[in-house]
Amino acid sequence: MLKFGIKSAVLGSAVYYTVEKGVWKDSATTSALYEELEQGISPYVGELKKQIPYEMPALPSNDRFSYLFKHYWNNGVKTTFRFLIDLPTHTSNAVAKSYELIVSTLEAEESSSTASQENK
């Protein structure tokens, strides 16, 4: 409960701070805030880039990005519909295996209880 309270307080503080700074106002205010933030952070980012010898790869071009987005979107849609098509089969298989497991467990339990009664 304490963990939830702390997370809620952090989230509430973040939302309050962004509203207070004007992030959710008109685009001119948000743009000015972005410029201010960029000017304040840029010296630290420059120092960090000097300390970390890692070069970020270039972002894909718009055409490539558009192609990749369409490709992965289409794959997601195809996979979703393949799952929906196969859902009845998977469900019936799961029910059949569950039924077999329950029956075998009950039979084993019956045989063990019968054997223990015969031993008495």
PDB file of N, CA and C in Angstrom:
ATOM      1  N   MET A   1       0.836  -1.187   0.000  1.00  0.00           N
ATOM      2  CA  MET A   1       0.000   0.000   0.000  1.00  0.00           C
ATOM      3  C   MET A   1       0.882   1.252   0.000  1.00  0.00           C
ATOM      4  N   LEU A   2       1.983   1.176   0.748  1.00  0.00           N
ATOM      5  CA  LEU A   2       2.909   2.295   0.803  1.00  0.00           C
ATOM      6  C   LEU A   2       3.534   2.536  -0.574  1.00  0.00           C
ATOM      7  N   LYS A   3       3.871   1.437  -1.266  1.00  0.00           N
ATOM      8  CA  LYS A   3       4.457   1.543  -2.595  1.00  0.00           C
ATOM      9  C   LYS A   3       3.497   2.245  -3.557  1.00  0.00           C
ATOM     10  N   PHE A   4       2.215   1.886  -3.488  1.00  0.00           N
ATOM     11  CA  PHE A   4       1.203   2.524  -4.330  1.00  0.00           C
ATOM     12  C   PHE A   4       1.087   4.009  -3.987  1.00  0.00           C
ATOM     13  N   GLY A   5       1.141   4.336  -2.704  1.00  0.00           N
ATOM     14  CA  GLY A   5       1.056   5.730  -2.287  1.00  0.00           C
ATOM     15  C   GLY A   5       2.222   6.556  -2.795  1.00  0.00           C
ATOM     16  N   ILE A   6       3.408   5.977  -2.736  1.00  0.00           N
ATOM     17  CA  ILE A   6       4.594   6.690  -3.223  1.00  0.00           C
ATOM     18  C   ILE A   6       4.504   6.895  -4.731  1.00  0.00           C
ATOM     19  N   LYS A   7       4.109   5.845  -5.462  1.00  0.00           N
ATOM     20  CA  LYS A   7       3.973   5.979  -6.912  1.00  0.00           C
ATOM     21  C   LYS A   7       2.920   7.022  -7.278  1.00  0.00           C
ATOM     22  N   SER A   8       1.811   7.032  -6.543  1.00  0.00           N
ATOM     23  CA  SER A   8       0.749   8.010  -6.810  1.00  0.00           C
ATOM     24  C   SER A   8       1.232   9.424  -6.535  1.00  0.00           C
ATOM     25  N   ALA A   9       2.011   9.586  -5.479  1.00  0.00           N
ATOM     26  CA  ALA A   9       2.532  10.912  -5.151  1.00  0.00           C
ATOM     27  C   ALA A   9       3.510  11.401  -6.217  1.00  0.00           C
ATOM     28  N   VAL A  10       4.367  10.508  -6.697  1.00  0.00           N
ATOM     29  CA  VAL A  10       5.319  10.887  -7.742  1.00  0.00           C
ATOM     30  C   VAL A  10       4.580  11.255  -9.024  1.00  0.00           C
ATOM     31  N   LEU A  11       3.596  10.443  -9.388  1.00  0.00           N
ATOM     32  CA  LEU A  11       2.815  10.733 -10.585  1.00  0.00           C
ATOM     33  C   LEU A  11       2.052  12.052 -10.442  1.00  0.00           C
ATOM     34  N   GLY A  12       1.424  12.247  -9.312  1.00  0.00           N
ATOM     35  CA  GLY A  12       0.692  13.491  -9.076  1.00  0.00           C
ATOM     36  C   GLY A  12       1.604  14.702  -9.127  1.00  0.00           C
ATOM     37  N   SER A  13       2.789  14.570  -8.544  1.00  0.00           N
ATOM     38  CA  SER A  13       3.754  15.671  -8.566  1.00  0.00           C
ATOM     39  C   SER A  13       4.204  15.973  -9.992  1.00  0.00           C
ATOM     40  N   ALA A  14       4.431  14.922 -10.778  1.00  0.00           N
ATOM     41  CA  ALA A  14       4.856  15.134 -12.157  1.00  0.00           C
ATOM     42  C   ALA A  14       3.777  15.836 -12.967  1.00  0.00           C
ATOM     43  N   VAL A  15       2.541  15.408 -12.796  1.00  0.00           N
ATOM     44  CA  VAL A  15       1.434  16.039 -13.519  1.00  0.00           C
ATOM     45  C   VAL A  15       1.282  17.489 -13.066  1.00  0.00           C
ATOM     46  N   TYR A  16       1.339  17.740 -11.777  1.00  0.00           N
ATOM     47  CA  TYR A  16       1.212  19.098 -11.262  1.00  0.00           C
ATOM     48  C   TYR A  16       2.323  19.986 -11.809  1.00  0.00           C
ATOM     49  N   TYR A  17       3.557  19.471 -11.823  1.00  0.00           N
ATOM     50  CA  TYR A  17       4.698  20.255 -12.301  1.00  0.00           C
ATOM     51  C   TYR A  17       4.540  20.598 -13.777  1.00  0.00           C
ATOM     52  N   THR A  18       4.096  19.630 -14.590  1.00  0.00           N
ATOM     53  CA  THR A  18       3.942  19.914 -16.018  1.00  0.00           C
ATOM     54  C   THR A  18       2.821  20.914 -16.274  1.00  0.00           C
ATOM     55  N   VAL A  19       1.761  20.834 -15.490  1.00  0.00           N
ATOM     56  CA  VAL A  19       0.670  21.815 -15.638  1.00  0.00           C
ATOM     57  C   VAL A  19       1.155  23.190 -15.207  1.00  0.00           C
ATOM     58  N   GLU A  20       1.903  23.230 -14.112  1.00  0.00           N
ATOM     59  CA  GLU A  20       2.410  24.506 -13.591  1.00  0.00           C
ATOM     60  C   GLU A  20       3.378  25.167 -14.576  1.00  0.00           C
ATOM     61  N   LYS A  21       4.213  24.351 -15.242  1.00  0.00           N
ATOM     62  CA  LYS A  21       5.182  24.894 -16.195  1.00  0.00           C
ATOM     63  C   LYS A  21       4.540  25.270 -17.530  1.00  0.00           C
ATOM     64  N   GLY A  22       3.343  24.769 -17.822  1.00  0.00           N
ATOM     65  CA  GLY A  22       2.655  25.151 -19.043  1.00  0.00           C
ATOM     66  C   GLY A  22       2.800  24.178 -20.188  1.00  0.00           C
ATOM     67  N   VAL A  23       3.131  22.929 -19.894  1.00  0.00           N
ATOM     68  CA  VAL A  23       3.292  21.935 -20.953  1.00  0.00           C
ATOM     69  C   VAL A  23       1.977  21.715 -21.681  1.00  0.00           C
ATOM     70  N   TRP A  24       0.870  21.794 -20.976  1.00  0.00           N
ATOM     71  CA  TRP A  24      -0.434  21.468 -21.540  1.00  0.00           C
ATOM     72  C   TRP A  24      -1.172  22.690 -22.071  1.00  0.00           C
ATOM     73  N   LYS A  25      -0.504  23.813 -22.140  1.00  0.00           N
ATOM     74  CA  LYS A  25      -1.129  25.028 -22.688  1.00  0.00           C
ATOM     75  C   LYS A  25      -0.978  25.024 -24.205  1.00  0.00           C
ATOM     76  N   ASP A  26      -1.059  26.205 -24.816  1.00  0.00           N
ATOM     77  CA  ASP A  26      -0.972  26.293 -26.271  1.00  0.00           C
ATOM     78  C   ASP A  26       0.426  25.896 -26.759  1.00  0.00           C
ATOM     79  N   SER A  27       0.537  25.674 -28.055  1.00  0.00           N
ATOM     80  CA  SER A  27       1.791  25.168 -28.617  1.00  0.00           C
ATOM     81  C   SER A  27       2.945  26.166 -28.506  1.00  0.00           C
ATOM     82  N   ALA A  28       2.649  27.461 -28.512  1.00  0.00           N
ATOM     83  CA  ALA A  28       3.722  28.460 -28.384  1.00  0.00           C
ATOM     84  C   ALA A  28       4.373  28.358 -27.008  1.00  0.00           C
ATOM     85  N   THR A  29       3.566  28.183 -25.965  1.00  0.00           N
ATOM     86  CA  THR A  29       4.102  28.050 -24.607  1.00  0.00           C
ATOM     87  C   THR A  29       4.915  26.766 -24.482  1.00  0.00           C
ATOM     88  N   THR A  30       4.408  25.695 -25.050  1.00  0.00           N
ATOM     89  CA  THR A  30       5.115  24.422 -24.994  1.00  0.00           C
ATOM     90  C   THR A  30       6.428  24.494 -25.770  1.00  0.00           C
ATOM     91  N   SER A  31       6.412  25.160 -26.918  1.00  0.00           N
ATOM     92  CA  SER A  31       7.625  25.312 -27.712  1.00  0.00           C
ATOM     93  C   SER A  31       8.671  26.135 -26.963  1.00  0.00           C
ATOM     94  N   ALA A  32       8.239  27.205 -26.312  1.00  0.00           N
ATOM     95  CA  ALA A  32       9.167  28.029 -25.529  1.00  0.00           C
ATOM     96  C   ALA A  32       9.743  27.225 -24.367  1.00  0.00           C
ATOM     97  N   LEU A  33       8.923  26.434 -23.726  1.00  0.00           N
ATOM     98  CA  LEU A  33       9.392  25.587 -22.633  1.00  0.00           C
ATOM     99  C   LEU A  33      10.402  24.566 -23.135  1.00  0.00           C
ATOM    100  N   TYR A  34      10.161  23.990 -24.312  1.00  0.00           N
ATOM    101  CA  TYR A  34      11.093  23.032 -24.897  1.00  0.00           C
ATOM    102  C   TYR A  34      12.441  23.692 -25.182  1.00  0.00           C
ATOM    103  N   GLU A  35      12.409  24.885 -25.762  1.00  0.00           N
ATOM    104  CA  GLU A  35      13.654  25.609 -26.049  1.00  0.00           C
ATOM    105  C   GLU A  35      14.419  25.888 -24.753  1.00  0.00           C
ATOM    106  N   GLU A  36      13.721  26.306 -23.727  1.00  0.00           N
ATOM    107  CA  GLU A  36      14.353  26.585 -22.431  1.00  0.00           C
ATOM    108  C   GLU A  36      14.975  25.311 -21.852  1.00  0.00           C
ATOM    109  N   LEU A  37      14.257  24.228 -21.951  1.00  0.00           N
ATOM    110  CA  LEU A  37      14.756  22.957 -21.442  1.00  0.00           C
ATOM    111  C   LEU A  37      15.975  22.493 -22.242  1.00  0.00           C
ATOM    112  N   GLU A  38      15.924  22.667 -23.551  1.00  0.00           N
ATOM    113  CA  GLU A  38      17.040  22.251 -24.398  1.00  0.00           C
ATOM    114  C   GLU A  38      18.291  23.064 -24.098  1.00  0.00           C
ATOM    115  N   GLN A  39      18.135  24.367 -23.888  1.00  0.00           N
ATOM    116  CA  GLN A  39      19.289  25.213 -23.567  1.00  0.00           C
ATOM    117  C   GLN A  39      19.867  24.864 -22.199  1.00  0.00           C
ATOM    118  N   GLY A  40      18.999  24.472 -21.268  1.00  0.00           N
ATOM    119  CA  GLY A  40      19.485  24.119 -19.932  1.00  0.00           C
ATOM    120  C   GLY A  40      20.184  22.771 -19.893  1.00  0.00           C
ATOM    121  N   ILE A  41      19.770  21.853 -20.726  1.00  0.00           N
ATOM    122  CA  ILE A  41      20.318  20.498 -20.681  1.00  0.00           C
ATOM    123  C   ILE A  41      21.493  20.314 -21.632  1.00  0.00           C
ATOM    124  N   SER A  42      21.574  21.094 -22.693  1.00  0.00           N
ATOM    125  CA  SER A  42      22.580  20.859 -23.729  1.00  0.00           C
ATOM    126  C   SER A  42      24.016  20.818 -23.210  1.00  0.00           C
ATOM    127  N   PRO A  43      24.449  21.642 -22.243  1.00  0.00           N
ATOM    128  CA  PRO A  43      25.836  21.499 -21.763  1.00  0.00           C
ATOM    129  C   PRO A  43      26.094  20.129 -21.121  1.00  0.00           C
ATOM    130  N   TYR A  44      25.116  19.627 -20.398  1.00  0.00           N
ATOM    131  CA  TYR A  44      25.287  18.335 -19.730  1.00  0.00           C
ATOM    132  C   TYR A  44      25.281  17.186 -20.731  1.00  0.00           C
ATOM    133  N   VAL A  45      24.467  17.315 -21.749  1.00  0.00           N
ATOM    134  CA  VAL A  45      24.406  16.278 -22.779  1.00  0.00           C
ATOM    135  C   VAL A  45      25.723  16.239 -23.550  1.00  0.00           C
ATOM    136  N   GLY A  46      26.282  17.404 -23.833  1.00  0.00           N
ATOM    137  CA  GLY A  46      27.568  17.463 -24.521  1.00  0.00           C
ATOM    138  C   GLY A  46      28.657  16.780 -23.713  1.00  0.00           C
ATOM    139  N   GLU A  47      28.699  17.024 -22.415  1.00  0.00           N
ATOM    140  CA  GLU A  47      29.673  16.373 -21.536  1.00  0.00           C
ATOM    141  C   GLU A  47      29.438  14.872 -21.491  1.00  0.00           C
ATOM    142  N   LEU A  48      28.187  14.467 -21.442  1.00  0.00           N
ATOM    143  CA  LEU A  48      27.859  13.046 -21.381  1.00  0.00           C
ATOM    144  C   LEU A  48      28.274  12.344 -22.671  1.00  0.00           C
ATOM    145  N   LYS A  49      28.083  13.002 -23.798  1.00  0.00           N
ATOM    146  CA  LYS A  49      28.489  12.411 -25.079  1.00  0.00           C
ATOM    147  C   LYS A  49      30.001  12.239 -25.140  1.00  0.00           C
ATOM    148  N   LYS A  50      30.748  13.158 -24.543  1.00  0.00           N
ATOM    149  CA  LYS A  50      32.206  13.033 -24.530  1.00  0.00           C
ATOM    150  C   LYS A  50      32.642  11.854 -23.663  1.00  0.00           C
ATOM    151  N   GLN A  51      31.928  11.590 -22.583  1.00  0.00           N
ATOM    152  CA  GLN A  51      32.311  10.531 -21.656  1.00  0.00           C
ATOM    153  C   GLN A  51      31.910   9.150 -22.158  1.00  0.00           C
ATOM    154  N   ILE A  52      30.848   9.077 -22.937  1.00  0.00           N
ATOM    155  CA  ILE A  52      30.369   7.785 -23.432  1.00  0.00           C
ATOM    156  C   ILE A  52      30.785   7.640 -24.892  1.00  0.00           C
ATOM    157  N   PRO A  53      31.648   6.684 -25.187  1.00  0.00           N
ATOM    158  CA  PRO A  53      32.131   6.537 -26.569  1.00  0.00           C
ATOM    159  C   PRO A  53      31.184   5.711 -27.427  1.00  0.00           C
ATOM    160  N   TYR A  54      29.933   6.081 -27.479  1.00  0.00           N
ATOM    161  CA  TYR A  54      28.948   5.349 -28.262  1.00  0.00           C
ATOM    162  C   TYR A  54      28.292   6.303 -29.237  1.00  0.00           C
ATOM    163  N   GLU A  55      28.297   5.923 -30.476  1.00  0.00           N
ATOM    164  CA  GLU A  55      27.682   6.757 -31.510  1.00  0.00           C
ATOM    165  C   GLU A  55      26.316   6.182 -31.851  1.00  0.00           C
ATOM    166  N   MET A  56      25.306   6.997 -31.730  1.00  0.00           N
ATOM    167  CA  MET A  56      23.947   6.560 -32.048  1.00  0.00           C
ATOM    168  C   MET A  56      23.810   6.398 -33.558  1.00  0.00           C
ATOM    169  N   PRO A  57      23.197   5.309 -34.005  1.00  0.00           N
ATOM    170  CA  PRO A  57      22.980   5.151 -35.443  1.00  0.00           C
ATOM    171  C   PRO A  57      21.961   6.172 -35.942  1.00  0.00           C
ATOM    172  N   ALA A  58      22.054   6.480 -37.208  1.00  0.00           N
ATOM    173  CA  ALA A  58      21.129   7.448 -37.792  1.00  0.00           C
ATOM    174  C   ALA A  58      19.726   6.859 -37.820  1.00  0.00           C
ATOM    175  N   LEU A  59      18.750   7.715 -37.621  1.00  0.00           N
ATOM    176  CA  LEU A  59      17.369   7.271 -37.699  1.00  0.00           C
ATOM    177  C   LEU A  59      17.016   6.946 -39.138  1.00  0.00           C
ATOM    178  N   PRO A  60      16.122   5.982 -39.334  1.00  0.00           N
ATOM    179  CA  PRO A  60      15.748   5.652 -40.711  1.00  0.00           C
ATOM    180  C   PRO A  60      15.018   6.812 -41.374  1.00  0.00           C
ATOM    181  N   SER A  61      15.121   6.881 -42.686  1.00  0.00           N
ATOM    182  CA  SER A  61      14.441   7.946 -43.415  1.00  0.00           C
ATOM    183  C   SER A  61      12.928   7.734 -43.325  1.00  0.00           C
ATOM    184  N   ASN A  62      12.192   8.759 -43.707  1.00  0.00           N
ATOM    185  CA  ASN A  62      10.733   8.668 -43.631  1.00  0.00           C
ATOM    186  C   ASN A  62      10.185   7.534 -44.481  1.00  0.00           C
ATOM    187  N   ASP A  63      10.761   7.341 -45.665  1.00  0.00           N
ATOM    188  CA  ASP A  63      10.286   6.255 -46.524  1.00  0.00           C
ATOM    189  C   ASP A  63      10.536   4.906 -45.871  1.00  0.00           C
ATOM    190  N   ARG A  64      11.715   4.728 -45.324  1.00  0.00           N
ATOM    191  CA  ARG A  64      12.056   3.461 -44.678  1.00  0.00           C
ATOM    192  C   ARG A  64      11.209   3.267 -43.428  1.00  0.00           C
ATOM    193  N   PHE A  65      11.045   4.324 -42.660  1.00  0.00           N
ATOM    194  CA  PHE A  65      10.236   4.244 -41.453  1.00  0.00           C
ATOM    195  C   PHE A  65       8.794   3.895 -41.795  1.00  0.00           C
ATOM    196  N   SER A  66       8.279   4.517 -42.837  1.00  0.00           N
ATOM    197  CA  SER A  66       6.906   4.243 -43.273  1.00  0.00           C
ATOM    198  C   SER A  66       6.766   2.787 -43.704  1.00  0.00           C
ATOM    199  N   TYR A  67       7.752   2.296 -44.444  1.00  0.00           N
ATOM    200  CA  TYR A  67       7.718   0.902 -44.874  1.00  0.00           C
ATOM    201  C   TYR A  67       7.758  -0.033 -43.665  1.00  0.00           C
ATOM    202  N   LEU A  68       8.668   0.233 -42.733  1.00  0.00           N
ATOM    203  CA  LEU A  68       8.787  -0.627 -41.548  1.00  0.00           C
ATOM    204  C   LEU A  68       7.508  -0.601 -40.721  1.00  0.00           C
ATOM    205  N   PHE A  69       6.934   0.573 -40.562  1.00  0.00           N
ATOM    206  CA  PHE A  69       5.701   0.685 -39.798  1.00  0.00           C
ATOM    207  C   PHE A  69       4.593  -0.140 -40.441  1.00  0.00           C
ATOM    208  N   LYS A  70       4.432  -0.006 -41.753  1.00  0.00           N
ATOM    209  CA  LYS A  70       3.404  -0.766 -42.469  1.00  0.00           C
ATOM    210  C   LYS A  70       3.669  -2.261 -42.374  1.00  0.00           C
ATOM    211  N   HIS A  71       4.932  -2.635 -42.532  1.00  0.00           N
ATOM    212  CA  HIS A  71       5.297  -4.048 -42.502  1.00  0.00           C
ATOM    213  C   HIS A  71       4.960  -4.670 -41.150  1.00  0.00           C
ATOM    214  N   TYR A  72       5.398  -4.032 -40.067  1.00  0.00           N
ATOM    215  CA  TYR A  72       5.146  -4.592 -38.745  1.00  0.00           C
ATOM    216  C   TYR A  72       3.668  -4.498 -38.364  1.00  0.00           C
ATOM    217  N   TRP A  73       3.005  -3.460 -38.802  1.00  0.00           N
ATOM    218  CA  TRP A  73       1.562  -3.350 -38.543  1.00  0.00           C
ATOM    219  C   TRP A  73       0.827  -4.506 -39.229  1.00  0.00           C
ATOM    220  N   ASN A  74       1.151  -4.732 -40.490  1.00  0.00           N
ATOM    221  CA  ASN A  74       0.503  -5.822 -41.225  1.00  0.00           C
ATOM    222  C   ASN A  74       0.811  -7.175 -40.605  1.00  0.00           C
ATOM    223  N   ASN A  75       2.053  -7.375 -40.166  1.00  0.00           N
ATOM    224  CA  ASN A  75       2.388  -8.628 -39.494  1.00  0.00           C
ATOM    225  C   ASN A  75       1.593  -8.791 -38.209  1.00  0.00           C
ATOM    226  N   GLY A  76       1.413  -7.714 -37.460  1.00  0.00           N
ATOM    227  CA  GLY A  76       0.616  -7.771 -36.243  1.00  0.00           C
ATOM    228  C   GLY A  76      -0.834  -8.114 -36.518  1.00  0.00           C
ATOM    229  N   VAL A  77      -1.392  -7.516 -37.568  1.00  0.00           N
ATOM    230  CA  VAL A  77      -2.787  -7.801 -37.932  1.00  0.00           C
ATOM    231  C   VAL A  77      -2.923  -9.250 -38.380  1.00  0.00           C
ATOM    232  N   LYS A  78      -1.997  -9.717 -39.204  1.00  0.00           N
ATOM    233  CA  LYS A  78      -2.053 -11.109 -39.669  1.00  0.00           C
ATOM    234  C   LYS A  78      -1.935 -12.081 -38.502  1.00  0.00           C
ATOM    235  N   THR A  79      -1.015 -11.804 -37.580  1.00  0.00           N
ATOM    236  CA  THR A  79      -0.828 -12.678 -36.424  1.00  0.00           C
ATOM    237  C   THR A  79      -2.065 -12.687 -35.545  1.00  0.00           C
ATOM    238  N   THR A  80      -2.676 -11.531 -35.350  1.00  0.00           N
ATOM    239  CA  THR A  80      -3.885 -11.447 -34.538  1.00  0.00           C
ATOM    240  C   THR A  80      -5.014 -12.271 -35.143  1.00  0.00           C
ATOM    241  N   PHE A  81      -5.222 -12.133 -36.445  1.00  0.00           N
ATOM    242  CA  PHE A  81      -6.286 -12.891 -37.085  1.00  0.00           C
ATOM    243  C   PHE A  81      -5.961 -14.380 -37.161  1.00  0.00           C
ATOM    244  N   ARG A  82      -4.683 -14.735 -37.313  1.00  0.00           N
ATOM    245  CA  ARG A  82      -4.299 -16.145 -37.287  1.00  0.00           C
ATOM    246  C   ARG A  82      -4.620 -16.726 -35.912  1.00  0.00           C
ATOM    247  N   PHE A  83      -4.349 -15.962 -34.857  1.00  0.00           N
ATOM    248  CA  PHE A  83      -4.676 -16.407 -33.499  1.00  0.00           C
ATOM    249  C   PHE A  83      -6.184 -16.587 -33.349  1.00  0.00           C
ATOM    250  N   LEU A  84      -6.963 -15.632 -33.855  1.00  0.00           N
ATOM    251  CA  LEU A  84      -8.422 -15.737 -33.748  1.00  0.00           C
ATOM    252  C   LEU A  84      -8.963 -16.918 -34.550  1.00  0.00           C
ATOM    253  N   ILE A  85      -8.356 -17.199 -35.707  1.00  0.00           N
ATOM    254  CA  ILE A  85      -8.788 -18.340 -36.508  1.00  0.00           C
ATOM    255  C   ILE A  85      -8.494 -19.642 -35.774  1.00  0.00           C
ATOM    256  N   ASP A  86      -7.330 -19.731 -35.146  1.00  0.00           N
ATOM    257  CA  ASP A  86      -6.915 -20.955 -34.461  1.00  0.00           C
ATOM    258  C   ASP A  86      -7.449 -21.064 -33.041  1.00  0.00           C
ATOM    259  N   LEU A  87      -8.110 -20.047 -32.538  1.00  0.00           N
ATOM    260  CA  LEU A  87      -8.578 -20.047 -31.151  1.00  0.00           C
ATOM    261  C   LEU A  87      -9.521 -21.213 -30.834  1.00  0.00           C
ATOM    262  N   PRO A  88     -10.509 -21.543 -31.670  1.00  0.00           N
ATOM    263  CA  PRO A  88     -11.360 -22.688 -31.340  1.00  0.00           C
ATOM    264  C   PRO A  88     -10.576 -24.002 -31.232  1.00  0.00           C
ATOM    265  N   THR A  89      -9.616 -24.200 -32.120  1.00  0.00           N
ATOM    266  CA  THR A  89      -8.801 -25.415 -32.078  1.00  0.00           C
ATOM    267  C   THR A  89      -7.982 -25.468 -30.794  1.00  0.00           C
ATOM    268  N   HIS A  90      -7.321 -24.345 -30.469  1.00  0.00           N
ATOM    269  CA  HIS A  90      -6.517 -24.310 -29.249  1.00  0.00           C
ATOM    270  C   HIS A  90      -7.388 -24.494 -28.010  1.00  0.00           C
ATOM    271  N   THR A  91      -8.575 -23.913 -28.031  1.00  0.00           N
ATOM    272  CA  THR A  91      -9.479 -24.043 -26.884  1.00  0.00           C
ATOM    273  C   THR A  91      -9.936 -25.481 -26.711  1.00  0.00           C
ATOM    274  N   SER A  92     -10.335 -26.126 -27.801  1.00  0.00           N
ATOM    275  CA  SER A  92     -10.786 -27.515 -27.692  1.00  0.00           C
ATOM    276  C   SER A  92      -9.640 -28.429 -27.264  1.00  0.00           C
ATOM    277  N   ASN A  93      -8.425 -28.187 -27.761  1.00  0.00           N
ATOM    278  CA  ASN A  93      -7.274 -28.976 -27.332  1.00  0.00           C
ATOM    279  C   ASN A  93      -7.004 -28.786 -25.847  1.00  0.00           C
ATOM    280  N   ALA A  94      -7.101 -27.553 -25.372  1.00  0.00           N
ATOM    281  CA  ALA A  94      -6.860 -27.276 -23.956  1.00  0.00           C
ATOM    282  C   ALA A  94      -7.918 -27.942 -23.083  1.00  0.00           C
ATOM    283  N   VAL A  95      -9.165 -27.898 -23.524  1.00  0.00           N
ATOM    284  CA  VAL A  95     -10.245 -28.537 -22.759  1.00  0.00           C
ATOM    285  C   VAL A  95     -10.045 -30.050 -22.719  1.00  0.00           C
ATOM    286  N   ALA A  96      -9.684 -30.635 -23.863  1.00  0.00           N
ATOM    287  CA  ALA A  96      -9.478 -32.085 -23.917  1.00  0.00           C
ATOM    288  C   ALA A  96      -8.322 -32.507 -23.018  1.00  0.00           C
ATOM    289  N   LYS A  97      -7.224 -31.789 -23.056  1.00  0.00           N
ATOM    290  CA  LYS A  97      -6.077 -32.125 -22.202  1.00  0.00           C
ATOM    291  C   LYS A  97      -6.416 -31.929 -20.728  1.00  0.00           C
ATOM    292  N   SER A  98      -7.159 -30.872 -20.413  1.00  0.00           N
ATOM    293  CA  SER A  98      -7.567 -30.644 -19.020  1.00  0.00           C
ATOM    294  C   SER A  98      -8.468 -31.764 -18.541  1.00  0.00           C
ATOM    295  N   TYR A  99      -9.396 -32.192 -19.395  1.00  0.00           N
ATOM    296  CA  TYR A  99     -10.303 -33.289 -19.048  1.00  0.00           C
ATOM    297  C   TYR A  99      -9.509 -34.574 -18.796  1.00  0.00           C
ATOM    298  N   GLU A 100      -8.564 -34.875 -19.693  1.00  0.00           N
ATOM    299  CA  GLU A 100      -7.734 -36.072 -19.523  1.00  0.00           C
ATOM    300  C   GLU A 100      -6.918 -36.009 -18.241  1.00  0.00           C
ATOM    301  N   LEU A 101      -6.376 -34.857 -17.928  1.00  0.00           N
ATOM    302  CA  LEU A 101      -5.591 -34.690 -16.706  1.00  0.00           C
ATOM    303  C   LEU A 101      -6.455 -34.888 -15.471  1.00  0.00           C
ATOM    304  N   ILE A 102      -7.648 -34.314 -15.471  1.00  0.00           N
ATOM    305  CA  ILE A 102      -8.555 -34.452 -14.319  1.00  0.00           C
ATOM    306  C   ILE A 102      -8.979 -35.905 -14.149  1.00  0.00           C
ATOM    307  N   VAL A 103      -9.330 -36.571 -15.263  1.00  0.00           N
ATOM    308  CA  VAL A 103      -9.750 -37.973 -15.190  1.00  0.00           C
ATOM    309  C   VAL A 103      -8.609 -38.846 -14.678  1.00  0.00           C
ATOM    310  N   SER A 104      -7.415 -38.650 -15.200  1.00  0.00           N
ATOM    311  CA  SER A 104      -6.282 -39.473 -14.765  1.00  0.00           C
ATOM    312  C   SER A 104      -5.943 -39.211 -13.299  1.00  0.00           C
ATOM    313  N   THR A 105      -6.068 -37.981 -12.856  1.00  0.00           N
ATOM    314  CA  THR A 105      -5.809 -37.663 -11.452  1.00  0.00           C
ATOM    315  C   THR A 105      -6.855 -38.303 -10.556  1.00  0.00           C
ATOM    316  N   LEU A 106      -8.118 -38.249 -10.961  1.00  0.00           N
ATOM    317  CA  LEU A 106      -9.183 -38.872 -10.169  1.00  0.00           C
ATOM    318  C   LEU A 106      -9.027 -40.389 -10.130  1.00  0.00           C
ATOM    319  N   GLU A 107      -8.655 -40.999 -11.262  1.00  0.00           N
ATOM    320  CA  GLU A 107      -8.444 -42.440 -11.282  1.00  0.00           C
ATOM    321  C   GLU A 107      -7.282 -42.839 -10.394  1.00  0.00           C
ATOM    322  N   ALA A 108      -6.220 -42.076 -10.415  1.00  0.00           N
ATOM    323  CA  ALA A 108      -5.073 -42.366  -9.558  1.00  0.00           C
ATOM    324  C   ALA A 108      -5.463 -42.217  -8.092  1.00  0.00           C
ATOM    325  N   GLU A 109      -6.237 -41.212  -7.792  1.00  0.00           N
ATOM    326  CA  GLU A 109      -6.694 -40.987  -6.415  1.00  0.00           C
ATOM    327  C   GLU A 109      -7.606 -42.129  -5.973  1.00  0.00           C
ATOM    328  N   GLU A 110      -8.495 -42.577  -6.865  1.00  0.00           N
ATOM    329  CA  GLU A 110      -9.404 -43.686  -6.550  1.00  0.00           C
ATOM    330  C   GLU A 110      -8.632 -44.962  -6.298  1.00  0.00           C
ATOM    331  N   SER A 111      -7.662 -45.225  -7.164  1.00  0.00           N
ATOM    332  CA  SER A 111      -6.897 -46.465  -7.006  1.00  0.00           C
ATOM    333  C   SER A 111      -6.044 -46.437  -5.747  1.00  0.00           C
ATOM    334  N   SER A 112      -5.515 -45.280  -5.395  1.00  0.00           N
ATOM    335  CA  SER A 112      -4.719 -45.210  -4.173  1.00  0.00           C
ATOM    336  C   SER A 112      -5.603 -45.326  -2.932  1.00  0.00           C
ATOM    337  N   SER A 113      -6.807 -44.765  -2.980  1.00  0.00           N
ATOM    338  CA  SER A 113      -7.701 -44.885  -1.822  1.00  0.00           C
ATOM    339  C   SER A 113      -8.234 -46.309  -1.701  1.00  0.00           C
ATOM    340  N   THR A 114      -8.470 -46.991  -2.817  1.00  0.00           N
ATOM    341  CA  THR A 114      -8.935 -48.389  -2.802  1.00  0.00           C
ATOM    342  C   THR A 114      -7.817 -49.275  -2.262  1.00  0.00           C
ATOM    343  N   ALA A 115      -6.598 -49.029  -2.679  1.00  0.00           N
ATOM    344  CA  ALA A 115      -5.473 -49.844  -2.204  1.00  0.00           C
ATOM    345  C   ALA A 115      -5.241 -49.637  -0.719  1.00  0.00           C
ATOM    346  N   SER A 116      -5.412 -48.421  -0.227  1.00  0.00           N
ATOM    347  CA  SER A 116      -5.213 -48.172   1.202  1.00  0.00           C
ATOM    348  C   SER A 116      -6.331 -48.815   2.035  1.00  0.00           C
ATOM    349  N   GLN A 117      -7.550 -48.908   1.477  1.00  0.00           N
ATOM    350  CA  GLN A 117      -8.649 -49.541   2.200  1.00  0.00           C
ATOM    351  C   GLN A 117      -8.454 -51.059   2.233  1.00  0.00           C
ATOM    352  N   GLU A 118      -7.897 -51.644   1.167  1.00  0.00           N
ATOM    353  CA  GLU A 118      -7.665 -53.079   1.135  1.00  0.00           C
ATOM    354  C   GLU A 118      -6.559 -53.485   2.084  1.00  0.00           C
ATOM    355  N   ASN A 119      -5.615 -52.588   2.323  1.00  0.00           N
ATOM    356  CA  ASN A 119      -4.529 -52.872   3.240  1.00  0.00           C
ATOM    357  C   ASN A 119      -4.979 -52.886   4.680  1.00  0.00           C
ATOM    358  N   LYS A 120      -6.059 -52.236   4.985  1.00  0.00           N
ATOM    359  CA  LYS A 120      -6.548 -52.159   6.369  1.00  0.00           C
ATOM    360  C   LYS A 120      -7.231 -53.398   6.682  1.00  0.00           C
TER     361      LYS A 120
END
